[in-house]
Amino acid sequence: MSNGTSSAIPSGASSAPVNGCAPPRPPLAFRVGVVGHRPNRLKHADLPLLVLSGFKPISHGVGSGVALPYTMASNLSVIPQKLALIASSMGERTESLNNDAAGKAAVRLVYNLMEEMGLSVSLRELGYERRDLEKMAETCIVKHKREYNPKDLTVQDCAAIFEAMWNGSPEELYADTL
Protein backbone atom coordinates (compact mmCIF):
# COMPACT_ATOMS: atom_id res chain seq x y z
CA MET A 1 0.00 0.00 0.00
CA SER A 2 1.68 3.20 -1.05
CA ASN A 3 -0.27 5.91 0.72
CA GLY A 4 2.54 7.05 2.98
CA THR A 5 1.82 4.54 5.74
CA SER A 6 4.03 1.76 6.98
CA SER A 7 4.13 -1.40 4.87
CA ALA A 8 3.19 -3.29 8.05
CA ILE A 9 -0.38 -2.06 7.67
CA PRO A 10 -2.46 -4.55 5.68
CA SER A 11 -4.00 -3.49 2.41
CA GLY A 12 -7.31 -1.74 2.95
CA ALA A 13 -6.65 -0.93 6.63
CA SER A 14 -6.35 2.59 7.93
CA SER A 15 -4.71 3.87 11.05
CA ALA A 16 -4.99 7.20 12.80
CA PRO A 17 -1.53 8.79 12.96
CA VAL A 18 0.05 9.31 16.37
CA ASN A 19 2.55 12.19 16.37
CA GLY A 20 2.51 12.05 12.58
CA CYS A 21 3.36 8.34 12.42
CA ALA A 22 0.98 5.47 11.83
CA PRO A 23 1.67 2.55 14.20
CA PRO A 24 2.00 -0.91 12.69
CA ARG A 25 -1.19 -2.94 13.04
CA PRO A 26 -1.57 -6.68 13.42
CA PRO A 27 -3.43 -8.57 10.69
CA LEU A 28 -7.21 -8.15 10.54
CA ALA A 29 -7.98 -11.73 11.58
CA PHE A 30 -5.94 -11.32 14.74
CA ARG A 31 -7.57 -7.99 15.66
CA VAL A 32 -11.13 -9.21 15.11
CA GLY A 33 -10.36 -12.53 16.83
CA VAL A 34 -8.99 -10.84 19.94
CA VAL A 35 -11.92 -8.41 20.14
CA GLY A 36 -14.37 -11.26 19.62
CA HIS A 37 -13.00 -13.72 22.15
CA ARG A 38 -12.26 -11.65 25.22
CA PRO A 39 -14.76 -11.27 28.07
CA ASN A 40 -17.14 -8.34 27.61
CA ARG A 41 -16.28 -8.04 23.94
CA LEU A 42 -18.10 -9.50 20.93
CA LYS A 43 -18.33 -13.07 22.25
CA HIS A 44 -22.13 -12.73 22.26
CA ALA A 45 -22.31 -14.23 18.75
CA ASP A 46 -22.19 -17.68 20.40
CA LEU A 47 -25.51 -17.14 22.22
CA PRO A 48 -27.72 -17.53 19.14
CA LEU A 49 -25.58 -20.54 18.15
CA LEU A 50 -26.49 -22.27 21.40
CA VAL A 51 -30.16 -21.64 20.74
CA LEU A 52 -30.02 -22.62 17.05
CA SER A 53 -28.33 -25.93 17.80
CA GLY A 54 -31.32 -26.87 19.97
CA PHE A 55 -33.66 -26.63 16.97
CA LYS A 56 -31.54 -28.11 14.19
CA PRO A 57 -28.00 -29.48 14.03
CA ILE A 58 -25.59 -26.70 13.05
CA SER A 59 -21.82 -26.42 13.12
CA HIS A 60 -20.15 -23.90 15.41
CA GLY A 61 -18.71 -21.98 12.47
CA VAL A 62 -21.97 -21.71 10.54
CA GLY A 63 -24.04 -20.84 13.63
CA SER A 64 -21.61 -18.21 14.88
CA GLY A 65 -21.16 -16.85 11.38
CA VAL A 66 -24.83 -16.38 10.58
CA ALA A 67 -25.40 -14.75 13.98
CA LEU A 68 -22.49 -12.30 13.90
CA PRO A 69 -23.89 -9.38 11.90
CA TYR A 70 -27.18 -9.61 13.80
CA THR A 71 -25.60 -9.61 17.25
CA MET A 72 -23.38 -6.73 16.15
CA ALA A 73 -26.42 -4.77 14.97
CA SER A 74 -28.46 -5.51 18.09
CA ASN A 75 -25.65 -4.25 20.31
CA LEU A 76 -24.74 -1.17 18.26
CA SER A 77 -26.34 1.16 20.80
CA VAL A 78 -23.98 0.00 23.58
CA ILE A 79 -20.72 -0.77 21.72
CA PRO A 80 -20.57 1.70 18.80
CA GLN A 81 -16.85 2.43 19.34
CA LYS A 82 -15.93 -1.26 19.14
CA LEU A 83 -17.97 -1.76 15.99
CA ALA A 84 -16.41 1.40 14.51
CA LEU A 85 -12.98 -0.16 15.15
CA ILE A 86 -14.05 -3.27 13.23
CA ALA A 87 -15.18 -1.12 10.28
CA SER A 88 -11.85 0.68 10.26
CA SER A 89 -9.97 -2.62 10.54
CA MET A 90 -11.87 -3.92 7.53
CA GLY A 91 -10.72 -0.97 5.45
CA GLU A 92 -13.76 1.31 5.75
CA ARG A 93 -12.89 5.00 5.68
CA THR A 94 -14.40 6.05 9.01
CA GLU A 95 -12.70 9.41 9.57
CA SER A 96 -15.81 11.40 8.63
CA LEU A 97 -18.30 9.02 10.30
CA ASN A 98 -19.63 9.10 13.83
CA ASN A 99 -19.38 5.85 15.80
CA ASP A 100 -22.97 4.82 15.03
CA ALA A 101 -22.50 5.24 11.29
CA ALA A 102 -19.14 3.45 11.40
CA GLY A 103 -20.71 0.65 13.48
CA LYS A 104 -23.46 0.23 10.91
CA ALA A 105 -20.76 0.08 8.24
CA ALA A 106 -19.09 -2.74 10.20
CA VAL A 107 -22.35 -4.71 10.25
CA ARG A 108 -22.76 -4.19 6.50
CA LEU A 109 -19.14 -5.17 5.81
CA VAL A 110 -19.39 -8.40 7.81
CA TYR A 111 -22.73 -9.28 6.20
CA ASN A 112 -21.40 -8.54 2.71
CA LEU A 113 -18.23 -10.54 3.34
CA MET A 114 -20.33 -13.53 4.34
CA GLU A 115 -22.42 -13.21 1.17
CA GLU A 116 -19.31 -12.85 -1.00
CA MET A 117 -17.90 -16.02 0.54
CA GLY A 118 -21.13 -17.88 -0.23
CA LEU A 119 -22.07 -18.32 3.43
CA SER A 120 -25.66 -18.33 4.65
CA VAL A 121 -26.85 -14.99 5.98
CA SER A 122 -30.33 -15.96 7.17
CA LEU A 123 -32.08 -18.64 9.16
CA ARG A 124 -34.38 -19.21 6.20
CA GLU A 125 -31.37 -20.16 4.04
CA LEU A 126 -30.28 -22.63 6.72
CA GLY A 127 -33.68 -24.35 6.73
CA TYR A 128 -35.00 -23.16 10.09
CA GLU A 129 -38.74 -22.88 10.52
CA ARG A 130 -40.26 -19.43 11.03
CA ARG A 131 -42.75 -20.94 13.49
CA ASP A 132 -39.79 -21.70 15.82
CA LEU A 133 -38.62 -18.08 16.17
CA GLU A 134 -40.72 -17.30 19.25
CA LYS A 135 -39.55 -20.47 20.98
CA MET A 136 -35.95 -19.62 20.06
CA ALA A 137 -36.33 -16.23 21.76
CA GLU A 138 -37.78 -17.83 24.91
CA THR A 139 -35.04 -20.47 24.95
CA CYS A 140 -32.41 -17.76 24.63
CA ILE A 141 -33.62 -16.07 27.82
CA VAL A 142 -34.62 -19.11 29.89
CA LYS A 143 -31.87 -21.63 29.15
CA HIS A 144 -28.71 -19.69 28.28
CA LYS A 145 -26.55 -17.29 30.24
CA ARG A 146 -25.93 -13.96 28.57
CA GLU A 147 -23.17 -12.77 30.87
CA TYR A 148 -20.92 -11.55 28.06
CA ASN A 149 -23.55 -9.75 26.02
CA PRO A 150 -22.92 -6.01 26.29
CA LYS A 151 -26.56 -5.22 27.04
CA ASP A 152 -29.38 -6.93 28.89
CA LEU A 153 -31.74 -8.84 26.62
CA THR A 154 -35.45 -9.43 26.98
CA VAL A 155 -37.52 -12.06 25.20
CA GLN A 156 -38.65 -9.26 22.87
CA ASP A 157 -35.02 -8.34 22.09
CA CYS A 158 -34.22 -11.96 21.29
CA ALA A 159 -37.37 -12.28 19.18
CA ALA A 160 -36.27 -9.23 17.17
CA ILE A 161 -32.79 -10.76 16.67
CA PHE A 162 -34.19 -14.08 15.44
CA GLU A 163 -36.79 -12.33 13.25
CA ALA A 164 -34.04 -10.24 11.62
CA MET A 165 -31.94 -13.40 11.22
CA TRP A 166 -34.88 -15.11 9.52
CA ASN A 167 -35.40 -12.13 7.20
CA GLY A 168 -31.70 -11.77 6.42
CA SER A 169 -31.79 -8.11 7.48
CA PRO A 170 -29.55 -6.99 10.38
CA GLU A 171 -30.62 -3.37 9.73
CA GLU A 172 -33.96 -4.21 11.39
CA LEU A 173 -32.12 -4.25 14.72
CA TYR A 174 -30.81 -0.70 14.83
CA ALA A 175 -32.32 1.18 17.76
CA ASP A 176 -33.34 4.08 15.49
CA THR A 177 -35.48 1.74 13.40
CA LEU A 178 -37.26 -0.05 16.26
C-alpha atoms as a PDB file:
ATOM      1  CA  MET A   1       0.000   0.000   0.000  1.00  0.00           C
ATOM      2  CA  SER A   2       1.679   3.204  -1.054  1.00  0.00           C
ATOM      3  CA  ASN A   3      -0.272   5.906   0.720  1.00  0.00           C
ATOM      4  CA  GLY A   4       2.536   7.045   2.977  1.00  0.00           C
ATOM      5  CA  THR A   5       1.824   4.535   5.739  1.00  0.00           C
ATOM      6  CA  SER A   6       4.028   1.759   6.984  1.00  0.00           C
ATOM      7  CA  SER A   7       4.131  -1.396   4.872  1.00  0.00           C
ATOM      8  CA  ALA A   8       3.193  -3.295   8.047  1.00  0.00           C
ATOM      9  CA  ILE A   9      -0.378  -2.059   7.666  1.00  0.00           C
ATOM     10  CA  PRO A  10      -2.463  -4.547   5.683  1.00  0.00           C
ATOM     11  CA  SER A  11      -4.004  -3.492   2.410  1.00  0.00           C
ATOM     12  CA  GLY A  12      -7.313  -1.744   2.951  1.00  0.00           C
ATOM     13  CA  ALA A  13      -6.650  -0.931   6.625  1.00  0.00           C
ATOM     14  CA  SER A  14      -6.345   2.592   7.928  1.00  0.00           C
ATOM     15  CA  SER A  15      -4.707   3.868  11.051  1.00  0.00           C
ATOM     16  CA  ALA A  16      -4.994   7.199  12.802  1.00  0.00           C
ATOM     17  CA  PRO A  17      -1.530   8.788  12.964  1.00  0.00           C
ATOM     18  CA  VAL A  18       0.047   9.313  16.366  1.00  0.00           C
ATOM     19  CA  ASN A  19       2.551  12.189  16.367  1.00  0.00           C
ATOM     20  CA  GLY A  20       2.506  12.048  12.577  1.00  0.00           C
ATOM     21  CA  CYS A  21       3.363   8.337  12.415  1.00  0.00           C
ATOM     22  CA  ALA A  22       0.977   5.466  11.830  1.00  0.00           C
ATOM     23  CA  PRO A  23       1.666   2.553  14.204  1.00  0.00           C
ATOM     24  CA  PRO A  24       2.004  -0.907  12.689  1.00  0.00           C
ATOM     25  CA  ARG A  25      -1.188  -2.937  13.035  1.00  0.00           C
ATOM     26  CA  PRO A  26      -1.571  -6.676  13.421  1.00  0.00           C
ATOM     27  CA  PRO A  27      -3.429  -8.567  10.691  1.00  0.00           C
ATOM     28  CA  LEU A  28      -7.206  -8.153  10.544  1.00  0.00           C
ATOM     29  CA  ALA A  29      -7.984 -11.727  11.579  1.00  0.00           C
ATOM     30  CA  PHE A  30      -5.944 -11.323  14.744  1.00  0.00           C
ATOM     31  CA  ARG A  31      -7.568  -7.989  15.656  1.00  0.00           C
ATOM     32  CA  VAL A  32     -11.131  -9.208  15.112  1.00  0.00           C
ATOM     33  CA  GLY A  33     -10.360 -12.528  16.834  1.00  0.00           C
ATOM     34  CA  VAL A  34      -8.991 -10.837  19.942  1.00  0.00           C
ATOM     35  CA  VAL A  35     -11.918  -8.412  20.139  1.00  0.00           C
ATOM     36  CA  GLY A  36     -14.372 -11.265  19.615  1.00  0.00           C
ATOM     37  CA  HIS A  37     -12.996 -13.722  22.148  1.00  0.00           C
ATOM     38  CA  ARG A  38     -12.256 -11.646  25.222  1.00  0.00           C
ATOM     39  CA  PRO A  39     -14.765 -11.272  28.071  1.00  0.00           C
ATOM     40  CA  ASN A  40     -17.140  -8.341  27.608  1.00  0.00           C
ATOM     41  CA  ARG A  41     -16.275  -8.040  23.937  1.00  0.00           C
ATOM     42  CA  LEU A  42     -18.103  -9.497  20.925  1.00  0.00           C
ATOM     43  CA  LYS A  43     -18.332 -13.069  22.254  1.00  0.00           C
ATOM     44  CA  HIS A  44     -22.133 -12.727  22.255  1.00  0.00           C
ATOM     45  CA  ALA A  45     -22.313 -14.226  18.750  1.00  0.00           C
ATOM     46  CA  ASP A  46     -22.191 -17.676  20.403  1.00  0.00           C
ATOM     47  CA  LEU A  47     -25.507 -17.138  22.225  1.00  0.00           C
ATOM     48  CA  PRO A  48     -27.721 -17.534  19.136  1.00  0.00           C
ATOM     49  CA  LEU A  49     -25.580 -20.537  18.148  1.00  0.00           C
ATOM     50  CA  LEU A  50     -26.492 -22.274  21.398  1.00  0.00           C
ATOM     51  CA  VAL A  51     -30.162 -21.643  20.736  1.00  0.00           C
ATOM     52  CA  LEU A  52     -30.017 -22.622  17.045  1.00  0.00           C
ATOM     53  CA  SER A  53     -28.326 -25.929  17.801  1.00  0.00           C
ATOM     54  CA  GLY A  54     -31.320 -26.870  19.965  1.00  0.00           C
ATOM     55  CA  PHE A  55     -33.661 -26.635  16.968  1.00  0.00           C
ATOM     56  CA  LYS A  56     -31.542 -28.107  14.188  1.00  0.00           C
ATOM     57  CA  PRO A  57     -27.997 -29.477  14.030  1.00  0.00           C
ATOM     58  CA  ILE A  58     -25.593 -26.698  13.050  1.00  0.00           C
ATOM     59  CA  SER A  59     -21.817 -26.425  13.125  1.00  0.00           C
ATOM     60  CA  HIS A  60     -20.149 -23.903  15.411  1.00  0.00           C
ATOM     61  CA  GLY A  61     -18.710 -21.984  12.475  1.00  0.00           C
ATOM     62  CA  VAL A  62     -21.966 -21.714  10.544  1.00  0.00           C
ATOM     63  CA  GLY A  63     -24.040 -20.838  13.626  1.00  0.00           C
ATOM     64  CA  SER A  64     -21.610 -18.208  14.884  1.00  0.00           C
ATOM     65  CA  GLY A  65     -21.159 -16.846  11.382  1.00  0.00           C
ATOM     66  CA  VAL A  66     -24.833 -16.379  10.577  1.00  0.00           C
ATOM     67  CA  ALA A  67     -25.404 -14.753  13.982  1.00  0.00           C
ATOM     68  CA  LEU A  68     -22.486 -12.301  13.902  1.00  0.00           C
ATOM     69  CA  PRO A  69     -23.887  -9.377  11.896  1.00  0.00           C
ATOM     70  CA  TYR A  70     -27.177  -9.607  13.802  1.00  0.00           C
ATOM     71  CA  THR A  71     -25.597  -9.608  17.247  1.00  0.00           C
ATOM     72  CA  MET A  72     -23.377  -6.733  16.146  1.00  0.00           C
ATOM     73  CA  ALA A  73     -26.425  -4.774  14.967  1.00  0.00           C
ATOM     74  CA  SER A  74     -28.465  -5.511  18.095  1.00  0.00           C
ATOM     75  CA  ASN A  75     -25.648  -4.246  20.314  1.00  0.00           C
ATOM     76  CA  LEU A  76     -24.742  -1.171  18.257  1.00  0.00           C
ATOM     77  CA  SER A  77     -26.336   1.159  20.803  1.00  0.00           C
ATOM     78  CA  VAL A  78     -23.981   0.004  23.578  1.00  0.00           C
ATOM     79  CA  ILE A  79     -20.724  -0.765  21.720  1.00  0.00           C
ATOM     80  CA  PRO A  80     -20.569   1.700  18.803  1.00  0.00           C
ATOM     81  CA  GLN A  81     -16.851   2.430  19.338  1.00  0.00           C
ATOM     82  CA  LYS A  82     -15.929  -1.261  19.138  1.00  0.00           C
ATOM     83  CA  LEU A  83     -17.966  -1.760  15.987  1.00  0.00           C
ATOM     84  CA  ALA A  84     -16.407   1.396  14.507  1.00  0.00           C
ATOM     85  CA  LEU A  85     -12.982  -0.159  15.151  1.00  0.00           C
ATOM     86  CA  ILE A  86     -14.046  -3.266  13.230  1.00  0.00           C
ATOM     87  CA  ALA A  87     -15.183  -1.121  10.277  1.00  0.00           C
ATOM     88  CA  SER A  88     -11.850   0.679  10.263  1.00  0.00           C
ATOM     89  CA  SER A  89      -9.972  -2.618  10.539  1.00  0.00           C
ATOM     90  CA  MET A  90     -11.872  -3.918   7.527  1.00  0.00           C
ATOM     91  CA  GLY A  91     -10.721  -0.965   5.448  1.00  0.00           C
ATOM     92  CA  GLU A  92     -13.761   1.309   5.749  1.00  0.00           C
ATOM     93  CA  ARG A  93     -12.892   5.003   5.679  1.00  0.00           C
ATOM     94  CA  THR A  94     -14.402   6.046   9.012  1.00  0.00           C
ATOM     95  CA  GLU A  95     -12.702   9.406   9.568  1.00  0.00           C
ATOM     96  CA  SER A  96     -15.811  11.398   8.634  1.00  0.00           C
ATOM     97  CA  LEU A  97     -18.301   9.021  10.297  1.00  0.00           C
ATOM     98  CA  ASN A  98     -19.626   9.102  13.833  1.00  0.00           C
ATOM     99  CA  ASN A  99     -19.377   5.849  15.801  1.00  0.00           C
ATOM    100  CA  ASP A 100     -22.969   4.817  15.032  1.00  0.00           C
ATOM    101  CA  ALA A 101     -22.495   5.239  11.288  1.00  0.00           C
ATOM    102  CA  ALA A 102     -19.138   3.447  11.400  1.00  0.00           C
ATOM    103  CA  GLY A 103     -20.711   0.654  13.484  1.00  0.00           C
ATOM    104  CA  LYS A 104     -23.464   0.227  10.906  1.00  0.00           C
ATOM    105  CA  ALA A 105     -20.764   0.078   8.241  1.00  0.00           C
ATOM    106  CA  ALA A 106     -19.091  -2.745  10.196  1.00  0.00           C
ATOM    107  CA  VAL A 107     -22.346  -4.707  10.249  1.00  0.00           C
ATOM    108  CA  ARG A 108     -22.761  -4.185   6.503  1.00  0.00           C
ATOM    109  CA  LEU A 109     -19.140  -5.171   5.805  1.00  0.00           C
ATOM    110  CA  VAL A 110     -19.387  -8.399   7.813  1.00  0.00           C
ATOM    111  CA  TYR A 111     -22.731  -9.277   6.202  1.00  0.00           C
ATOM    112  CA  ASN A 112     -21.404  -8.537   2.705  1.00  0.00           C
ATOM    113  CA  LEU A 113     -18.226 -10.542   3.345  1.00  0.00           C
ATOM    114  CA  MET A 114     -20.328 -13.533   4.345  1.00  0.00           C
ATOM    115  CA  GLU A 115     -22.418 -13.208   1.171  1.00  0.00           C
ATOM    116  CA  GLU A 116     -19.312 -12.846  -1.001  1.00  0.00           C
ATOM    117  CA  MET A 117     -17.905 -16.025   0.541  1.00  0.00           C
ATOM    118  CA  GLY A 118     -21.125 -17.884  -0.233  1.00  0.00           C
ATOM    119  CA  LEU A 119     -22.071 -18.317   3.432  1.00  0.00           C
ATOM    120  CA  SER A 120     -25.660 -18.333   4.648  1.00  0.00           C
ATOM    121  CA  VAL A 121     -26.853 -14.986   5.978  1.00  0.00           C
ATOM    122  CA  SER A 122     -30.329 -15.956   7.175  1.00  0.00           C
ATOM    123  CA  LEU A 123     -32.076 -18.641   9.163  1.00  0.00           C
ATOM    124  CA  ARG A 124     -34.376 -19.210   6.200  1.00  0.00           C
ATOM    125  CA  GLU A 125     -31.367 -20.155   4.040  1.00  0.00           C
ATOM    126  CA  LEU A 126     -30.277 -22.627   6.716  1.00  0.00           C
ATOM    127  CA  GLY A 127     -33.676 -24.352   6.732  1.00  0.00           C
ATOM    128  CA  TYR A 128     -34.998 -23.159  10.092  1.00  0.00           C
ATOM    129  CA  GLU A 129     -38.741 -22.884  10.517  1.00  0.00           C
ATOM    130  CA  ARG A 130     -40.262 -19.428  11.034  1.00  0.00           C
ATOM    131  CA  ARG A 131     -42.747 -20.938  13.492  1.00  0.00           C
ATOM    132  CA  ASP A 132     -39.786 -21.696  15.823  1.00  0.00           C
ATOM    133  CA  LEU A 133     -38.618 -18.079  16.165  1.00  0.00           C
ATOM    134  CA  GLU A 134     -40.717 -17.296  19.251  1.00  0.00           C
ATOM    135  CA  LYS A 135     -39.553 -20.475  20.979  1.00  0.00           C
ATOM    136  CA  MET A 136     -35.946 -19.618  20.058  1.00  0.00           C
ATOM    137  CA  ALA A 137     -36.330 -16.234  21.764  1.00  0.00           C
ATOM    138  CA  GLU A 138     -37.781 -17.827  24.907  1.00  0.00           C
ATOM    139  CA  THR A 139     -35.036 -20.466  24.946  1.00  0.00           C
ATOM    140  CA  CYS A 140     -32.407 -17.756  24.630  1.00  0.00           C
ATOM    141  CA  ILE A 141     -33.620 -16.070  27.819  1.00  0.00           C
ATOM    142  CA  VAL A 142     -34.622 -19.112  29.890  1.00  0.00           C
ATOM    143  CA  LYS A 143     -31.868 -21.633  29.146  1.00  0.00           C
ATOM    144  CA  HIS A 144     -28.709 -19.694  28.276  1.00  0.00           C
ATOM    145  CA  LYS A 145     -26.553 -17.287  30.243  1.00  0.00           C
ATOM    146  CA  ARG A 146     -25.930 -13.964  28.574  1.00  0.00           C
ATOM    147  CA  GLU A 147     -23.165 -12.775  30.867  1.00  0.00           C
ATOM    148  CA  TYR A 148     -20.916 -11.546  28.056  1.00  0.00           C
ATOM    149  CA  ASN A 149     -23.545  -9.746  26.025  1.00  0.00           C
ATOM    150  CA  PRO A 150     -22.915  -6.009  26.294  1.00  0.00           C
ATOM    151  CA  LYS A 151     -26.564  -5.220  27.044  1.00  0.00           C
ATOM    152  CA  ASP A 152     -29.379  -6.934  28.891  1.00  0.00           C
ATOM    153  CA  LEU A 153     -31.735  -8.837  26.622  1.00  0.00           C
ATOM    154  CA  THR A 154     -35.453  -9.432  26.976  1.00  0.00           C
ATOM    155  CA  VAL A 155     -37.522 -12.059  25.198  1.00  0.00           C
ATOM    156  CA  GLN A 156     -38.654  -9.258  22.866  1.00  0.00           C
ATOM    157  CA  ASP A 157     -35.025  -8.337  22.086  1.00  0.00           C
ATOM    158  CA  CYS A 158     -34.215 -11.964  21.293  1.00  0.00           C
ATOM    159  CA  ALA A 159     -37.366 -12.277  19.183  1.00  0.00           C
ATOM    160  CA  ALA A 160     -36.268  -9.226  17.167  1.00  0.00           C
ATOM    161  CA  ILE A 161     -32.795 -10.756  16.666  1.00  0.00           C
ATOM    162  CA  PHE A 162     -34.187 -14.076  15.442  1.00  0.00           C
ATOM    163  CA  GLU A 163     -36.786 -12.331  13.251  1.00  0.00           C
ATOM    164  CA  ALA A 164     -34.038 -10.243  11.620  1.00  0.00           C
ATOM    165  CA  MET A 165     -31.935 -13.401  11.219  1.00  0.00           C
ATOM    166  CA  TRP A 166     -34.881 -15.112   9.518  1.00  0.00           C
ATOM    167  CA  ASN A 167     -35.398 -12.130   7.196  1.00  0.00           C
ATOM    168  CA  GLY A 168     -31.698 -11.768   6.421  1.00  0.00           C
ATOM    169  CA  SER A 169     -31.789  -8.111   7.476  1.00  0.00           C
ATOM    170  CA  PRO A 170     -29.547  -6.986  10.382  1.00  0.00           C
ATOM    171  CA  GLU A 171     -30.622  -3.372   9.734  1.00  0.00           C
ATOM    172  CA  GLU A 172     -33.961  -4.211  11.388  1.00  0.00           C
ATOM    173  CA  LEU A 173     -32.118  -4.250  14.724  1.00  0.00           C
ATOM    174  CA  TYR A 174     -30.814  -0.699  14.826  1.00  0.00           C
ATOM    175  CA  ALA A 175     -32.321   1.178  17.757  1.00  0.00           C
ATOM    176  CA  ASP A 176     -33.336   4.079  15.489  1.00  0.00           C
ATOM    177  CA  THR A 177     -35.483   1.736  13.398  1.00  0.00           C
ATOM    178  CA  LEU A 178     -37.261  -0.054  16.258  1.00  0.00           C
END
